Amino acid sequence: MTIAENGSIIQPTGGVAAGSTKIKTAGIDKISEFRSILQEKTGLRFSNHVIDRMGDRSLELDGETAERLSKAVEIADRKGADQSLVLLDQLAFLVSVKNKTVITAVETNQMKQGVFTKIDSAIIG
């Protein structure tokens, strides 16, 4: 796992071609390294649950989307949000804004009933 010149995180194993700007958690042995890189890139913490869900669901998060997620959380924080649902393209993230922690992630087309509870804001970006 390395960081490309354009700032994207590259995971060349697990089926992702070297030079890809996608992050793919499926097959990653070094979860703590993955989490550290994500935290460094976004300024957000990623819970064990979200790391597991991303791996289980083979969710991909590119550098641009990671940056958009970080900016969305900054906006929610400025507005005084506590728990936010952040919708970015085909991904939904549940984020504890006050703790700057991504709690879970799901592809929007995989949401069974589309119900999120205990949130006080939603950001669509």
N, C-alpha and C. Protein backbone atom coordinates (compact mmCIF):
# COMPACT_ATOMS: atom_id res chain seq x y z
N MET A 1 0.85 -1.16 0.00
CA MET A 1 0.00 0.00 0.00
C MET A 1 0.91 1.23 0.00
N THR A 2 0.68 2.14 -0.93
CA THR A 2 1.50 3.34 -1.03
C THR A 2 0.62 4.53 -1.35
N ILE A 3 1.20 5.71 -1.25
CA ILE A 3 0.50 6.93 -1.63
C ILE A 3 1.10 7.41 -2.95
N ALA A 4 0.23 7.61 -3.94
CA ALA A 4 0.66 8.04 -5.27
C ALA A 4 1.01 9.52 -5.25
N GLU A 5 1.67 9.97 -6.31
CA GLU A 5 2.04 11.37 -6.43
C GLU A 5 0.84 12.30 -6.34
N ASN A 6 -0.31 11.86 -6.85
CA ASN A 6 -1.50 12.72 -6.81
C ASN A 6 -2.20 12.66 -5.46
N GLY A 7 -1.61 11.95 -4.48
CA GLY A 7 -2.16 11.89 -3.14
C GLY A 7 -3.15 10.78 -2.92
N SER A 8 -3.43 9.99 -3.94
CA SER A 8 -4.36 8.88 -3.80
C SER A 8 -3.68 7.70 -3.11
N ILE A 9 -4.47 6.90 -2.44
CA ILE A 9 -3.96 5.71 -1.79
C ILE A 9 -4.07 4.56 -2.78
N ILE A 10 -2.98 3.81 -2.90
CA ILE A 10 -2.95 2.70 -3.85
C ILE A 10 -2.82 1.40 -3.08
N GLN A 11 -3.66 0.45 -3.39
CA GLN A 11 -3.57 -0.89 -2.83
C GLN A 11 -3.39 -1.84 -4.01
N PRO A 12 -2.14 -2.19 -4.37
CA PRO A 12 -1.90 -2.96 -5.59
C PRO A 12 -2.21 -4.45 -5.48
N THR A 13 -2.60 -4.96 -4.31
CA THR A 13 -2.94 -6.37 -4.18
C THR A 13 -4.43 -6.52 -4.00
N GLY A 14 -4.90 -7.75 -3.93
CA GLY A 14 -6.31 -7.99 -3.70
C GLY A 14 -7.17 -7.66 -4.90
N GLY A 15 -6.59 -7.73 -6.10
CA GLY A 15 -7.39 -7.53 -7.30
C GLY A 15 -7.39 -6.12 -7.85
N VAL A 16 -6.71 -5.20 -7.20
CA VAL A 16 -6.67 -3.83 -7.70
C VAL A 16 -5.33 -3.64 -8.40
N ALA A 17 -5.37 -3.17 -9.62
CA ALA A 17 -4.16 -3.00 -10.42
C ALA A 17 -3.24 -1.96 -9.79
N ALA A 18 -1.93 -2.21 -9.86
CA ALA A 18 -0.96 -1.23 -9.38
C ALA A 18 -1.18 0.06 -10.14
N GLY A 19 -1.11 1.18 -9.43
CA GLY A 19 -1.34 2.47 -10.04
C GLY A 19 -2.78 2.92 -9.95
N SER A 20 -3.64 2.07 -9.44
CA SER A 20 -5.05 2.43 -9.28
C SER A 20 -5.16 3.53 -8.25
N THR A 21 -6.15 4.36 -8.38
CA THR A 21 -6.39 5.38 -7.37
C THR A 21 -7.53 4.97 -6.47
N LYS A 22 -7.85 3.70 -6.44
CA LYS A 22 -8.92 3.19 -5.60
C LYS A 22 -8.34 2.53 -4.35
N ILE A 23 -9.08 2.62 -3.28
CA ILE A 23 -8.74 1.90 -2.07
C ILE A 23 -9.68 0.71 -2.04
N LYS A 24 -9.16 -0.46 -1.90
CA LYS A 24 -10.01 -1.64 -1.81
C LYS A 24 -9.54 -2.45 -0.62
N THR A 25 -10.42 -2.64 0.36
CA THR A 25 -10.01 -3.28 1.60
C THR A 25 -10.02 -4.79 1.50
N ALA A 26 -10.70 -5.38 0.54
CA ALA A 26 -10.76 -6.85 0.46
C ALA A 26 -9.35 -7.41 0.31
N GLY A 27 -8.98 -8.30 1.20
CA GLY A 27 -7.69 -8.96 1.12
C GLY A 27 -6.54 -8.19 1.76
N ILE A 28 -6.76 -7.08 2.39
CA ILE A 28 -5.67 -6.32 3.01
C ILE A 28 -5.29 -6.99 4.32
N ASP A 29 -4.00 -7.28 4.47
CA ASP A 29 -3.51 -7.90 5.70
C ASP A 29 -3.21 -6.86 6.76
N LYS A 30 -2.85 -5.68 6.35
CA LYS A 30 -2.40 -4.66 7.29
C LYS A 30 -3.50 -3.63 7.52
N ILE A 31 -4.54 -4.04 8.24
CA ILE A 31 -5.68 -3.17 8.48
C ILE A 31 -5.26 -1.91 9.23
N SER A 32 -4.37 -2.03 10.20
CA SER A 32 -3.95 -0.84 10.95
C SER A 32 -3.22 0.15 10.05
N GLU A 33 -2.44 -0.36 9.09
CA GLU A 33 -1.77 0.53 8.14
C GLU A 33 -2.80 1.22 7.26
N PHE A 34 -3.79 0.46 6.81
CA PHE A 34 -4.87 1.02 5.99
C PHE A 34 -5.59 2.13 6.76
N ARG A 35 -5.92 1.85 8.03
CA ARG A 35 -6.63 2.83 8.85
C ARG A 35 -5.77 4.08 9.04
N SER A 36 -4.48 3.90 9.27
CA SER A 36 -3.58 5.05 9.48
C SER A 36 -3.51 5.92 8.23
N ILE A 37 -3.43 5.30 7.07
CA ILE A 37 -3.37 6.06 5.82
C ILE A 37 -4.67 6.82 5.61
N LEU A 38 -5.80 6.17 5.85
CA LEU A 38 -7.09 6.85 5.71
C LEU A 38 -7.18 8.03 6.67
N GLN A 39 -6.75 7.83 7.91
CA GLN A 39 -6.81 8.90 8.89
C GLN A 39 -5.91 10.06 8.48
N GLU A 40 -4.73 9.73 7.99
CA GLU A 40 -3.80 10.77 7.55
C GLU A 40 -4.38 11.57 6.37
N LYS A 41 -5.00 10.86 5.43
CA LYS A 41 -5.55 11.51 4.23
C LYS A 41 -6.77 12.36 4.53
N THR A 42 -7.59 11.94 5.50
CA THR A 42 -8.87 12.60 5.72
C THR A 42 -8.95 13.39 7.01
N GLY A 43 -8.08 13.09 7.97
CA GLY A 43 -8.20 13.70 9.29
C GLY A 43 -9.32 13.07 10.11
N LEU A 44 -9.90 11.98 9.59
CA LEU A 44 -10.97 11.27 10.28
C LEU A 44 -10.47 9.93 10.78
N ARG A 45 -11.08 9.46 11.86
CA ARG A 45 -10.82 8.11 12.32
C ARG A 45 -11.82 7.18 11.65
N PHE A 46 -11.43 5.95 11.42
CA PHE A 46 -12.30 4.95 10.83
C PHE A 46 -12.43 3.81 11.83
N SER A 47 -13.65 3.57 12.29
CA SER A 47 -13.89 2.53 13.30
C SER A 47 -13.57 1.15 12.74
N ASN A 48 -13.36 0.21 13.66
CA ASN A 48 -13.16 -1.18 13.25
C ASN A 48 -14.35 -1.65 12.42
N HIS A 49 -15.53 -1.24 12.83
CA HIS A 49 -16.75 -1.65 12.14
C HIS A 49 -16.73 -1.20 10.68
N VAL A 50 -16.40 0.06 10.42
CA VAL A 50 -16.41 0.55 9.04
C VAL A 50 -15.32 -0.12 8.21
N ILE A 51 -14.17 -0.38 8.81
CA ILE A 51 -13.10 -1.08 8.08
C ILE A 51 -13.57 -2.48 7.70
N ASP A 52 -14.21 -3.17 8.66
CA ASP A 52 -14.74 -4.51 8.38
C ASP A 52 -15.82 -4.46 7.30
N ARG A 53 -16.74 -3.49 7.40
CA ARG A 53 -17.83 -3.39 6.42
C ARG A 53 -17.29 -3.09 5.03
N MET A 54 -16.30 -2.22 4.95
CA MET A 54 -15.72 -1.89 3.64
C MET A 54 -15.08 -3.13 3.03
N GLY A 55 -14.42 -3.92 3.86
CA GLY A 55 -13.81 -5.16 3.37
C GLY A 55 -14.86 -6.18 2.98
N ASP A 56 -15.86 -6.38 3.85
CA ASP A 56 -16.92 -7.35 3.57
C ASP A 56 -17.69 -7.02 2.31
N ARG A 57 -17.92 -5.73 2.10
CA ARG A 57 -18.74 -5.28 0.98
C ARG A 57 -17.90 -4.89 -0.24
N SER A 58 -16.58 -5.03 -0.13
CA SER A 58 -15.66 -4.64 -1.20
C SER A 58 -15.92 -3.21 -1.66
N LEU A 59 -16.14 -2.32 -0.70
CA LEU A 59 -16.40 -0.92 -1.03
C LEU A 59 -15.09 -0.24 -1.40
N GLU A 60 -15.13 0.61 -2.37
CA GLU A 60 -13.96 1.34 -2.82
C GLU A 60 -14.13 2.81 -2.48
N LEU A 61 -13.04 3.42 -2.07
CA LEU A 61 -13.03 4.82 -1.70
C LEU A 61 -11.81 5.45 -2.35
N ASP A 62 -12.03 6.31 -3.36
CA ASP A 62 -10.88 6.93 -4.02
C ASP A 62 -10.47 8.19 -3.27
N GLY A 63 -9.33 8.74 -3.65
CA GLY A 63 -8.78 9.91 -2.97
C GLY A 63 -9.70 11.11 -3.01
N GLU A 64 -10.36 11.33 -4.13
CA GLU A 64 -11.29 12.46 -4.28
C GLU A 64 -12.49 12.30 -3.33
N THR A 65 -13.03 11.10 -3.27
CA THR A 65 -14.19 10.85 -2.40
C THR A 65 -13.78 10.98 -0.93
N ALA A 66 -12.60 10.51 -0.58
CA ALA A 66 -12.10 10.65 0.79
C ALA A 66 -11.99 12.12 1.17
N GLU A 67 -11.52 12.94 0.25
CA GLU A 67 -11.41 14.38 0.50
C GLU A 67 -12.80 15.01 0.65
N ARG A 68 -13.74 14.60 -0.19
CA ARG A 68 -15.11 15.11 -0.11
C ARG A 68 -15.76 14.72 1.21
N LEU A 69 -15.49 13.50 1.68
CA LEU A 69 -16.01 13.05 2.97
C LEU A 69 -15.47 13.93 4.09
N SER A 70 -14.19 14.18 4.06
CA SER A 70 -13.56 15.02 5.07
C SER A 70 -14.17 16.43 5.08
N LYS A 71 -14.35 17.01 3.90
CA LYS A 71 -14.95 18.36 3.81
C LYS A 71 -16.39 18.37 4.29
N ALA A 72 -17.14 17.30 3.99
CA ALA A 72 -18.53 17.21 4.45
C ALA A 72 -18.60 17.19 5.98
N VAL A 73 -17.68 16.46 6.60
CA VAL A 73 -17.66 16.40 8.06
C VAL A 73 -17.28 17.76 8.64
N GLU A 74 -16.37 18.47 8.00
CA GLU A 74 -16.01 19.82 8.45
C GLU A 74 -17.22 20.75 8.41
N ILE A 75 -18.00 20.66 7.34
CA ILE A 75 -19.20 21.48 7.21
C ILE A 75 -20.20 21.13 8.30
N ALA A 76 -20.42 19.84 8.51
CA ALA A 76 -21.36 19.40 9.56
C ALA A 76 -20.91 19.89 10.92
N ASP A 77 -19.61 19.86 11.17
CA ASP A 77 -19.07 20.33 12.45
C ASP A 77 -19.33 21.82 12.63
N ARG A 78 -19.10 22.60 11.60
CA ARG A 78 -19.35 24.05 11.67
C ARG A 78 -20.82 24.36 11.94
N LYS A 79 -21.71 23.48 11.48
CA LYS A 79 -23.15 23.68 11.67
C LYS A 79 -23.63 23.12 13.01
N GLY A 80 -22.71 22.50 13.78
CA GLY A 80 -23.06 22.00 15.10
C GLY A 80 -23.65 20.60 15.10
N ALA A 81 -23.46 19.84 14.04
CA ALA A 81 -24.00 18.48 13.96
C ALA A 81 -23.25 17.55 14.91
N ASP A 82 -23.94 16.49 15.30
CA ASP A 82 -23.36 15.48 16.18
C ASP A 82 -23.16 14.17 15.43
N GLN A 83 -24.23 13.64 14.84
CA GLN A 83 -24.20 12.41 14.05
C GLN A 83 -24.75 12.74 12.67
N SER A 84 -23.97 12.49 11.63
CA SER A 84 -24.39 12.84 10.28
C SER A 84 -24.38 11.65 9.34
N LEU A 85 -25.29 11.68 8.41
CA LEU A 85 -25.30 10.76 7.29
C LEU A 85 -24.73 11.53 6.11
N VAL A 86 -23.65 11.03 5.55
CA VAL A 86 -23.00 11.69 4.42
C VAL A 86 -23.19 10.82 3.18
N LEU A 87 -23.88 11.36 2.18
CA LEU A 87 -24.13 10.63 0.94
C LEU A 87 -23.22 11.20 -0.14
N LEU A 88 -22.34 10.36 -0.66
CA LEU A 88 -21.40 10.75 -1.70
C LEU A 88 -21.49 9.74 -2.83
N ASP A 89 -21.97 10.18 -3.97
CA ASP A 89 -22.14 9.30 -5.12
C ASP A 89 -22.97 8.08 -4.71
N GLN A 90 -22.39 6.90 -4.77
CA GLN A 90 -23.12 5.67 -4.44
C GLN A 90 -22.79 5.13 -3.06
N LEU A 91 -22.16 5.96 -2.21
CA LEU A 91 -21.78 5.53 -0.87
C LEU A 91 -22.48 6.38 0.18
N ALA A 92 -22.86 5.73 1.28
CA ALA A 92 -23.43 6.42 2.43
C ALA A 92 -22.53 6.13 3.63
N PHE A 93 -22.18 7.18 4.36
CA PHE A 93 -21.32 7.05 5.54
C PHE A 93 -22.07 7.60 6.74
N LEU A 94 -22.04 6.88 7.84
CA LEU A 94 -22.55 7.38 9.10
C LEU A 94 -21.34 7.85 9.89
N VAL A 95 -21.36 9.13 10.31
CA VAL A 95 -20.18 9.74 10.92
C VAL A 95 -20.55 10.38 12.25
N SER A 96 -19.73 10.10 13.26
CA SER A 96 -19.81 10.85 14.51
C SER A 96 -18.98 12.11 14.29
N VAL A 97 -19.67 13.23 14.11
CA VAL A 97 -18.98 14.48 13.78
C VAL A 97 -18.13 14.96 14.95
N LYS A 98 -18.69 14.92 16.16
CA LYS A 98 -17.94 15.44 17.31
C LYS A 98 -16.68 14.63 17.58
N ASN A 99 -16.69 13.32 17.26
CA ASN A 99 -15.51 12.47 17.45
C ASN A 99 -14.67 12.34 16.18
N LYS A 100 -15.14 12.93 15.08
CA LYS A 100 -14.46 12.84 13.78
C LYS A 100 -14.18 11.37 13.42
N THR A 101 -15.22 10.53 13.59
CA THR A 101 -15.08 9.10 13.37
C THR A 101 -16.14 8.60 12.40
N VAL A 102 -15.70 7.90 11.36
CA VAL A 102 -16.61 7.25 10.43
C VAL A 102 -17.02 5.94 11.08
N ILE A 103 -18.32 5.76 11.28
CA ILE A 103 -18.84 4.61 12.01
C ILE A 103 -19.15 3.45 11.08
N THR A 104 -19.80 3.72 9.96
CA THR A 104 -20.09 2.65 9.02
C THR A 104 -20.24 3.23 7.61
N ALA A 105 -20.22 2.34 6.64
CA ALA A 105 -20.36 2.72 5.24
C ALA A 105 -21.17 1.65 4.53
N VAL A 106 -21.96 2.09 3.56
CA VAL A 106 -22.77 1.16 2.77
C VAL A 106 -22.99 1.78 1.39
N GLU A 107 -23.09 0.93 0.39
CA GLU A 107 -23.46 1.42 -0.92
C GLU A 107 -24.94 1.75 -0.89
N THR A 108 -25.34 2.86 -1.47
CA THR A 108 -26.73 3.29 -1.40
C THR A 108 -27.68 2.27 -2.01
N ASN A 109 -27.24 1.53 -3.02
CA ASN A 109 -28.13 0.54 -3.63
C ASN A 109 -28.25 -0.72 -2.78
N GLN A 110 -27.48 -0.83 -1.70
CA GLN A 110 -27.53 -1.99 -0.81
C GLN A 110 -28.31 -1.72 0.47
N MET A 111 -28.79 -0.48 0.62
CA MET A 111 -29.56 -0.15 1.82
C MET A 111 -30.92 -0.83 1.72
N LYS A 112 -31.22 -1.69 2.68
CA LYS A 112 -32.46 -2.47 2.62
C LYS A 112 -33.69 -1.58 2.74
N GLN A 113 -33.81 -0.88 3.84
CA GLN A 113 -34.98 -0.03 4.03
C GLN A 113 -34.64 1.44 3.95
N GLY A 114 -33.35 1.75 3.91
CA GLY A 114 -32.93 3.14 3.79
C GLY A 114 -33.25 3.98 5.01
N VAL A 115 -33.29 3.38 6.20
CA VAL A 115 -33.62 4.10 7.42
C VAL A 115 -32.36 4.23 8.27
N PHE A 116 -32.03 5.46 8.62
CA PHE A 116 -30.92 5.74 9.54
C PHE A 116 -31.50 6.45 10.74
N THR A 117 -31.20 5.97 11.92
CA THR A 117 -31.71 6.57 13.14
C THR A 117 -30.58 7.25 13.91
N LYS A 118 -30.97 8.10 14.83
CA LYS A 118 -30.04 8.80 15.73
C LYS A 118 -29.05 9.67 14.97
N ILE A 119 -29.50 10.29 13.89
CA ILE A 119 -28.68 11.28 13.19
C ILE A 119 -29.37 12.63 13.34
N ASP A 120 -28.58 13.69 13.29
CA ASP A 120 -29.18 15.01 13.36
C ASP A 120 -28.92 15.84 12.11
N SER A 121 -28.27 15.21 11.13
CA SER A 121 -28.03 15.93 9.88
C SER A 121 -27.71 14.96 8.77
N ALA A 122 -27.91 15.43 7.56
CA ALA A 122 -27.55 14.65 6.36
C ALA A 122 -26.88 15.60 5.39
N ILE A 123 -25.82 15.12 4.78
CA ILE A 123 -25.07 15.91 3.80
C ILE A 123 -25.06 15.14 2.51
N ILE A 124 -25.48 15.77 1.46
CA ILE A 124 -25.50 15.14 0.14
C ILE A 124 -24.48 15.87 -0.70
N GLY A 125 -23.47 15.14 -1.16
CA GLY A 125 -22.41 15.84 -1.88
C GLY A 125 -21.90 15.15 -3.06
